[in-house]
Amino acid sequence: PGWTDNINGPTGLLIGAGKGVIRTMYCDNN
């Protein structure tokens, strides 16, 4: 479970946000 070999998609977003380096995104939140 959870295994991946890359940080594409939502995994990259979660890592970037979790490290505190992503603080804004331009998108429709709904």
All heavy atoms as atom14 arrays in JSON, in Angstrom:
{
  "sequence": "PGWTDNINGPTGLLIGAGKGVIRTMYCDNN",
  "atom14_mask": [
    [1, 1, 1, 1, 1, 1, 1, 0, 0, 0, 0, 0, 0, 0],
    [1, 1, 1, 1, 0, 0, 0, 0, 0, 0, 0, 0, 0, 0],
    [1, 1, 1, 1, 1, 1, 1, 1, 1, 1, 1, 1, 1, 1],
    [1, 1, 1, 1, 1, 1, 1, 0, 0, 0, 0, 0, 0, 0],
    [1, 1, 1, 1, 1, 1, 1, 1, 0, 0, 0, 0, 0, 0],
    [1, 1, 1, 1, 1, 1, 1, 1, 0, 0, 0, 0, 0, 0],
    [1, 1, 1, 1, 1, 1, 1, 1, 0, 0, 0, 0, 0, 0],
    [1, 1, 1, 1, 1, 1, 1, 1, 0, 0, 0, 0, 0, 0],
    [1, 1, 1, 1, 0, 0, 0, 0, 0, 0, 0, 0, 0, 0],
    [1, 1, 1, 1, 1, 1, 1, 0, 0, 0, 0, 0, 0, 0],
    [1, 1, 1, 1, 1, 1, 1, 0, 0, 0, 0, 0, 0, 0],
    [1, 1, 1, 1, 0, 0, 0, 0, 0, 0, 0, 0, 0, 0],
    [1, 1, 1, 1, 1, 1, 1, 1, 0, 0, 0, 0, 0, 0],
    [1, 1, 1, 1, 1, 1, 1, 1, 0, 0, 0, 0, 0, 0],
    [1, 1, 1, 1, 1, 1, 1, 1, 0, 0, 0, 0, 0, 0],
    [1, 1, 1, 1, 0, 0, 0, 0, 0, 0, 0, 0, 0, 0],
    [1, 1, 1, 1, 1, 0, 0, 0, 0, 0, 0, 0, 0, 0],
    [1, 1, 1, 1, 0, 0, 0, 0, 0, 0, 0, 0, 0, 0],
    [1, 1, 1, 1, 1, 1, 1, 1, 1, 0, 0, 0, 0, 0],
    [1, 1, 1, 1, 0, 0, 0, 0, 0, 0, 0, 0, 0, 0],
    [1, 1, 1, 1, 1, 1, 1, 0, 0, 0, 0, 0, 0, 0],
    [1, 1, 1, 1, 1, 1, 1, 1, 0, 0, 0, 0, 0, 0],
    [1, 1, 1, 1, 1, 1, 1, 1, 1, 1, 1, 0, 0, 0],
    [1, 1, 1, 1, 1, 1, 1, 0, 0, 0, 0, 0, 0, 0],
    [1, 1, 1, 1, 1, 1, 1, 1, 0, 0, 0, 0, 0, 0],
    [1, 1, 1, 1, 1, 1, 1, 1, 1, 1, 1, 1, 0, 0],
    [1, 1, 1, 1, 1, 1, 0, 0, 0, 0, 0, 0, 0, 0],
    [1, 1, 1, 1, 1, 1, 1, 1, 0, 0, 0, 0, 0, 0],
    [1, 1, 1, 1, 1, 1, 1, 1, 0, 0, 0, 0, 0, 0],
    [1, 1, 1, 1, 1, 1, 1, 1, 0, 0, 0, 0, 0, 0]
  ],
  "atom14_positions": [
    [[0.81, -1.22, 0.0], [0.0, 0.0, 0.0], [0.84, 1.28, 0.0], [1.81, 1.39, 0.75], [-0.81, -0.12, 1.29], [-0.91, -1.58, 1.53], [0.41, -2.15, 1.07], [0.0, 0.0, 0.0], [0.0, 0.0, 0.0], [0.0, 0.0, 0.0], [0.0, 0.0, 0.0], [0.0, 0.0, 0.0], [0.0, 0.0, 0.0], [0.0, 0.0, 0.0]],
    [[0.46, 2.2, -0.86], [1.1, 3.51, -0.92], [2.37, 3.56, -1.74], [2.91, 4.65, -1.97], [0.0, 0.0, 0.0], [0.0, 0.0, 0.0], [0.0, 0.0, 0.0], [0.0, 0.0, 0.0], [0.0, 0.0, 0.0], [0.0, 0.0, 0.0], [0.0, 0.0, 0.0], [0.0, 0.0, 0.0], [0.0, 0.0, 0.0], [0.0, 0.0, 0.0]],
    [[2.87, 2.4, -2.22], [4.16, 2.39, -2.91], [4.1, 3.13, -4.24], [3.15, 3.03, -5.0], [4.62, 0.95, -3.18], [5.97, 0.89, -3.85], [7.19, 0.91, -3.25], [6.22, 0.84, -5.27], [8.2, 0.87, -4.2], [7.63, 0.82, -5.44], [5.4, 0.82, -6.4], [8.22, 0.78, -6.7], [5.98, 0.76, -7.65], [7.38, 0.74, -7.8]],
    [[5.16, 3.88, -4.5], [5.36, 4.53, -5.79], [6.85, 4.75, -5.96], [7.61, 4.68, -4.99], [4.62, 5.88, -5.88], [4.81, 6.46, -7.18], [5.12, 6.87, -4.84], [0.0, 0.0, 0.0], [0.0, 0.0, 0.0], [0.0, 0.0, 0.0], [0.0, 0.0, 0.0], [0.0, 0.0, 0.0], [0.0, 0.0, 0.0], [0.0, 0.0, 0.0]],
    [[7.27, 4.99, -7.19], [8.69, 5.28, -7.42], [8.88, 6.69, -7.97], [9.93, 7.02, -8.5], [9.31, 4.25, -8.38], [8.68, 4.29, -9.77], [7.7, 5.05, -9.97], [9.15, 3.56, -10.66], [0.0, 0.0, 0.0], [0.0, 0.0, 0.0], [0.0, 0.0, 0.0], [0.0, 0.0, 0.0], [0.0, 0.0, 0.0], [0.0, 0.0, 0.0]],
    [[7.83, 7.54, -7.84], [7.93, 8.91, -8.33], [7.04, 9.81, -7.49], [6.29, 9.33, -6.63], [7.53, 8.99, -9.81], [6.09, 8.58, -10.03], [5.17, 9.31, -9.69], [5.88, 7.38, -10.59], [0.0, 0.0, 0.0], [0.0, 0.0, 0.0], [0.0, 0.0, 0.0], [0.0, 0.0, 0.0], [0.0, 0.0, 0.0], [0.0, 0.0, 0.0]],
    [[7.14, 11.11, -7.71], [6.32, 12.07, -6.95], [5.39, 12.83, -7.88], [5.08, 14.0, -7.66], [7.2, 13.04, -6.14], [8.2, 13.78, -7.04], [7.93, 12.31, -5.03], [8.94, 14.9, -6.33], [0.0, 0.0, 0.0], [0.0, 0.0, 0.0], [0.0, 0.0, 0.0], [0.0, 0.0, 0.0], [0.0, 0.0, 0.0], [0.0, 0.0, 0.0]],
    [[4.91, 12.16, -8.93], [3.95, 12.79, -9.82], [2.57, 12.8, -9.17], [2.29, 12.04, -8.24], [3.89, 12.03, -11.15], [5.21, 12.07, -11.89], [5.95, 13.04, -11.8], [5.52, 11.0, -12.6], [0.0, 0.0, 0.0], [0.0, 0.0, 0.0], [0.0, 0.0, 0.0], [0.0, 0.0, 0.0], [0.0, 0.0, 0.0], [0.0, 0.0, 0.0]],
    [[1.68, 13.64, -9.69], [0.3, 13.66, -9.22], [0.15, 14.19, -7.8], [0.96, 14.98, -7.31], [0.0, 0.0, 0.0], [0.0, 0.0, 0.0], [0.0, 0.0, 0.0], [0.0, 0.0, 0.0], [0.0, 0.0, 0.0], [0.0, 0.0, 0.0], [0.0, 0.0, 0.0], [0.0, 0.0, 0.0], [0.0, 0.0, 0.0], [0.0, 0.0, 0.0]],
    [[-0.88, 13.72, -7.1], [-1.17, 14.27, -5.76], [-0.07, 13.97, -4.74], [0.07, 14.7, -3.77], [-2.49, 13.58, -5.38], [-2.54, 12.35, -6.21], [-1.86, 12.71, -7.5], [0.0, 0.0, 0.0], [0.0, 0.0, 0.0], [0.0, 0.0, 0.0], [0.0, 0.0, 0.0], [0.0, 0.0, 0.0], [0.0, 0.0, 0.0], [0.0, 0.0, 0.0]],
    [[0.71, 12.89, -4.96], [1.79, 12.6, -4.02], [2.78, 13.76, -3.95], [3.22, 14.16, -2.87], [2.53, 11.31, -4.43], [1.6, 10.23, -4.49], [3.63, 10.97, -3.42], [0.0, 0.0, 0.0], [0.0, 0.0, 0.0], [0.0, 0.0, 0.0], [0.0, 0.0, 0.0], [0.0, 0.0, 0.0], [0.0, 0.0, 0.0], [0.0, 0.0, 0.0]],
    [[3.14, 14.3, -5.12], [4.05, 15.44, -5.15], [3.47, 16.66, -4.47], [4.18, 17.39, -3.76], [0.0, 0.0, 0.0], [0.0, 0.0, 0.0], [0.0, 0.0, 0.0], [0.0, 0.0, 0.0], [0.0, 0.0, 0.0], [0.0, 0.0, 0.0], [0.0, 0.0, 0.0], [0.0, 0.0, 0.0], [0.0, 0.0, 0.0], [0.0, 0.0, 0.0]],
    [[2.16, 16.88, -4.68], [1.5, 18.01, -4.02], [1.54, 17.85, -2.5], [1.81, 18.79, -1.76], [0.05, 18.14, -4.5], [-0.16, 18.55, -5.95], [-1.65, 18.55, -6.26], [0.44, 19.93, -6.22], [0.0, 0.0, 0.0], [0.0, 0.0, 0.0], [0.0, 0.0, 0.0], [0.0, 0.0, 0.0], [0.0, 0.0, 0.0], [0.0, 0.0, 0.0]],
    [[1.24, 16.63, -2.04], [1.22, 16.38, -0.6], [2.61, 16.53, 0.01], [2.77, 17.07, 1.11], [0.67, 14.98, -0.31], [-0.81, 14.77, -0.66], [-1.2, 13.31, -0.47], [-1.7, 15.67, 0.17], [0.0, 0.0, 0.0], [0.0, 0.0, 0.0], [0.0, 0.0, 0.0], [0.0, 0.0, 0.0], [0.0, 0.0, 0.0], [0.0, 0.0, 0.0]],
    [[3.64, 16.07, -0.71], [5.0, 16.21, -0.19], [5.41, 17.68, -0.16], [5.96, 18.18, 0.83], [6.0, 15.39, -1.05], [5.78, 13.9, -0.82], [7.44, 15.77, -0.71], [6.64, 13.01, -1.68], [0.0, 0.0, 0.0], [0.0, 0.0, 0.0], [0.0, 0.0, 0.0], [0.0, 0.0, 0.0], [0.0, 0.0, 0.0], [0.0, 0.0, 0.0]],
    [[5.13, 18.4, -1.25], [5.47, 19.82, -1.31], [4.76, 20.62, -0.24], [5.36, 21.46, 0.43], [0.0, 0.0, 0.0], [0.0, 0.0, 0.0], [0.0, 0.0, 0.0], [0.0, 0.0, 0.0], [0.0, 0.0, 0.0], [0.0, 0.0, 0.0], [0.0, 0.0, 0.0], [0.0, 0.0, 0.0], [0.0, 0.0, 0.0], [0.0, 0.0, 0.0]],
    [[3.46, 20.32, -0.03], [2.71, 21.02, 1.02], [3.2, 20.59, 2.39], [3.31, 21.41, 3.32], [1.22, 20.74, 0.86], [0.0, 0.0, 0.0], [0.0, 0.0, 0.0], [0.0, 0.0, 0.0], [0.0, 0.0, 0.0], [0.0, 0.0, 0.0], [0.0, 0.0, 0.0], [0.0, 0.0, 0.0], [0.0, 0.0, 0.0], [0.0, 0.0, 0.0]],
    [[3.51, 19.29, 2.54], [3.97, 18.78, 3.83], [5.31, 19.34, 4.24], [5.59, 19.48, 5.44], [0.0, 0.0, 0.0], [0.0, 0.0, 0.0], [0.0, 0.0, 0.0], [0.0, 0.0, 0.0], [0.0, 0.0, 0.0], [0.0, 0.0, 0.0], [0.0, 0.0, 0.0], [0.0, 0.0, 0.0], [0.0, 0.0, 0.0], [0.0, 0.0, 0.0]],
    [[6.15, 19.67, 3.26], [7.44, 20.29, 3.56], [7.32, 21.79, 3.76], [8.28, 22.46, 4.14], [8.42, 20.02, 2.41], [8.85, 18.57, 2.25], [9.88, 18.17, 3.29], [10.46, 16.8, 3.01], [11.48, 16.39, 4.0], [0.0, 0.0, 0.0], [0.0, 0.0, 0.0], [0.0, 0.0, 0.0], [0.0, 0.0, 0.0], [0.0, 0.0, 0.0]],
    [[6.12, 22.34, 3.48], [5.89, 23.77, 3.68], [6.35, 24.64, 2.54], [6.42, 25.87, 2.7], [0.0, 0.0, 0.0], [0.0, 0.0, 0.0], [0.0, 0.0, 0.0], [0.0, 0.0, 0.0], [0.0, 0.0, 0.0], [0.0, 0.0, 0.0], [0.0, 0.0, 0.0], [0.0, 0.0, 0.0], [0.0, 0.0, 0.0], [0.0, 0.0, 0.0]],
    [[6.67, 24.05, 1.36], [7.18, 24.85, 0.25], [6.09, 25.17, -0.77], [6.29, 26.03, -1.63], [8.37, 24.15, -0.45], [9.54, 24.03, 0.5], [7.97, 22.78, -1.0], [0.0, 0.0, 0.0], [0.0, 0.0, 0.0], [0.0, 0.0, 0.0], [0.0, 0.0, 0.0], [0.0, 0.0, 0.0], [0.0, 0.0, 0.0], [0.0, 0.0, 0.0]],
    [[4.94, 24.5, -0.72], [3.81, 24.85, -1.57], [2.74, 25.47, -0.68], [2.2, 24.81, 0.21], [3.25, 23.61, -2.3], [4.28, 23.04, -3.27], [1.97, 23.98, -3.05], [3.8, 21.81, -4.02], [0.0, 0.0, 0.0], [0.0, 0.0, 0.0], [0.0, 0.0, 0.0], [0.0, 0.0, 0.0], [0.0, 0.0, 0.0], [0.0, 0.0, 0.0]],
    [[2.41, 26.73, -0.95], [1.47, 27.45, -0.1], [0.35, 28.11, -0.9], [-0.5, 28.79, -0.32], [2.21, 28.5, 0.75], [3.45, 27.94, 1.46], [3.94, 28.86, 2.54], [3.0, 28.95, 3.66], [2.9, 28.03, 4.61], [3.65, 26.95, 4.59], [2.03, 28.19, 5.6], [0.0, 0.0, 0.0], [0.0, 0.0, 0.0], [0.0, 0.0, 0.0]],
    [[0.38, 27.96, -2.19], [-0.7, 28.51, -3.01], [-0.82, 27.69, -4.28], [0.18, 27.21, -4.81], [-0.44, 29.99, -3.36], [-1.51, 30.47, -4.21], [0.88, 30.16, -4.09], [0.0, 0.0, 0.0], [0.0, 0.0, 0.0], [0.0, 0.0, 0.0], [0.0, 0.0, 0.0], [0.0, 0.0, 0.0], [0.0, 0.0, 0.0], [0.0, 0.0, 0.0]],
    [[-2.05, 27.51, -4.75], [-2.3, 26.83, -6.02], [-3.44, 27.54, -6.73], [-4.39, 28.0, -6.09], [-2.67, 25.36, -5.8], [-1.55, 24.49, -5.28], [-1.93, 22.72, -5.39], [-3.41, 22.63, -4.38], [0.0, 0.0, 0.0], [0.0, 0.0, 0.0], [0.0, 0.0, 0.0], [0.0, 0.0, 0.0], [0.0, 0.0, 0.0], [0.0, 0.0, 0.0]],
    [[-3.31, 27.63, -8.05], [-4.37, 28.26, -8.84], [-5.27, 27.18, -9.4], [-4.9, 26.46, -10.33], [-3.75, 29.08, -9.97], [-4.76, 29.57, -11.0], [-5.87, 30.31, -10.61], [-4.59, 29.27, -12.35], [-6.79, 30.75, -11.53], [-5.5, 29.72, -13.28], [-6.61, 30.45, -12.88], [-7.52, 30.88, -13.8], [0.0, 0.0, 0.0], [0.0, 0.0, 0.0]],
    [[-6.43, 27.0, -8.78], [-7.38, 26.01, -9.29], [-8.73, 26.21, -8.62], [-8.85, 26.9, -7.6], [-6.88, 24.59, -9.06], [-6.83, 24.08, -7.33], [0.0, 0.0, 0.0], [0.0, 0.0, 0.0], [0.0, 0.0, 0.0], [0.0, 0.0, 0.0], [0.0, 0.0, 0.0], [0.0, 0.0, 0.0], [0.0, 0.0, 0.0], [0.0, 0.0, 0.0]],
    [[-9.73, 25.58, -9.21], [-11.07, 25.58, -8.64], [-11.11, 24.57, -7.51], [-10.97, 23.37, -7.74], [-12.08, 25.21, -9.74], [-13.5, 25.09, -9.21], [-13.75, 25.47, -8.05], [-14.37, 24.59, -9.97], [0.0, 0.0, 0.0], [0.0, 0.0, 0.0], [0.0, 0.0, 0.0], [0.0, 0.0, 0.0], [0.0, 0.0, 0.0], [0.0, 0.0, 0.0]],
    [[-11.28, 25.05, -6.28], [-11.2, 24.12, -5.15], [-12.32, 23.09, -5.14], [-12.22, 22.06, -4.48], [-11.17, 24.89, -3.81], [-12.42, 25.72, -3.6], [-13.22, 25.93, -4.51], [-12.6, 26.2, -2.39], [0.0, 0.0, 0.0], [0.0, 0.0, 0.0], [0.0, 0.0, 0.0], [0.0, 0.0, 0.0], [0.0, 0.0, 0.0], [0.0, 0.0, 0.0]],
    [[-13.4, 23.34, -5.88], [-14.48, 22.35, -5.98], [-14.32, 21.43, -7.19], [-15.11, 20.51, -7.39], [-15.84, 23.06, -6.07], [-16.19, 23.76, -4.76], [-16.01, 23.19, -3.68], [-16.69, 24.98, -4.84], [0.0, 0.0, 0.0], [0.0, 0.0, 0.0], [0.0, 0.0, 0.0], [0.0, 0.0, 0.0], [0.0, 0.0, 0.0], [0.0, 0.0, 0.0]]
  ]
}
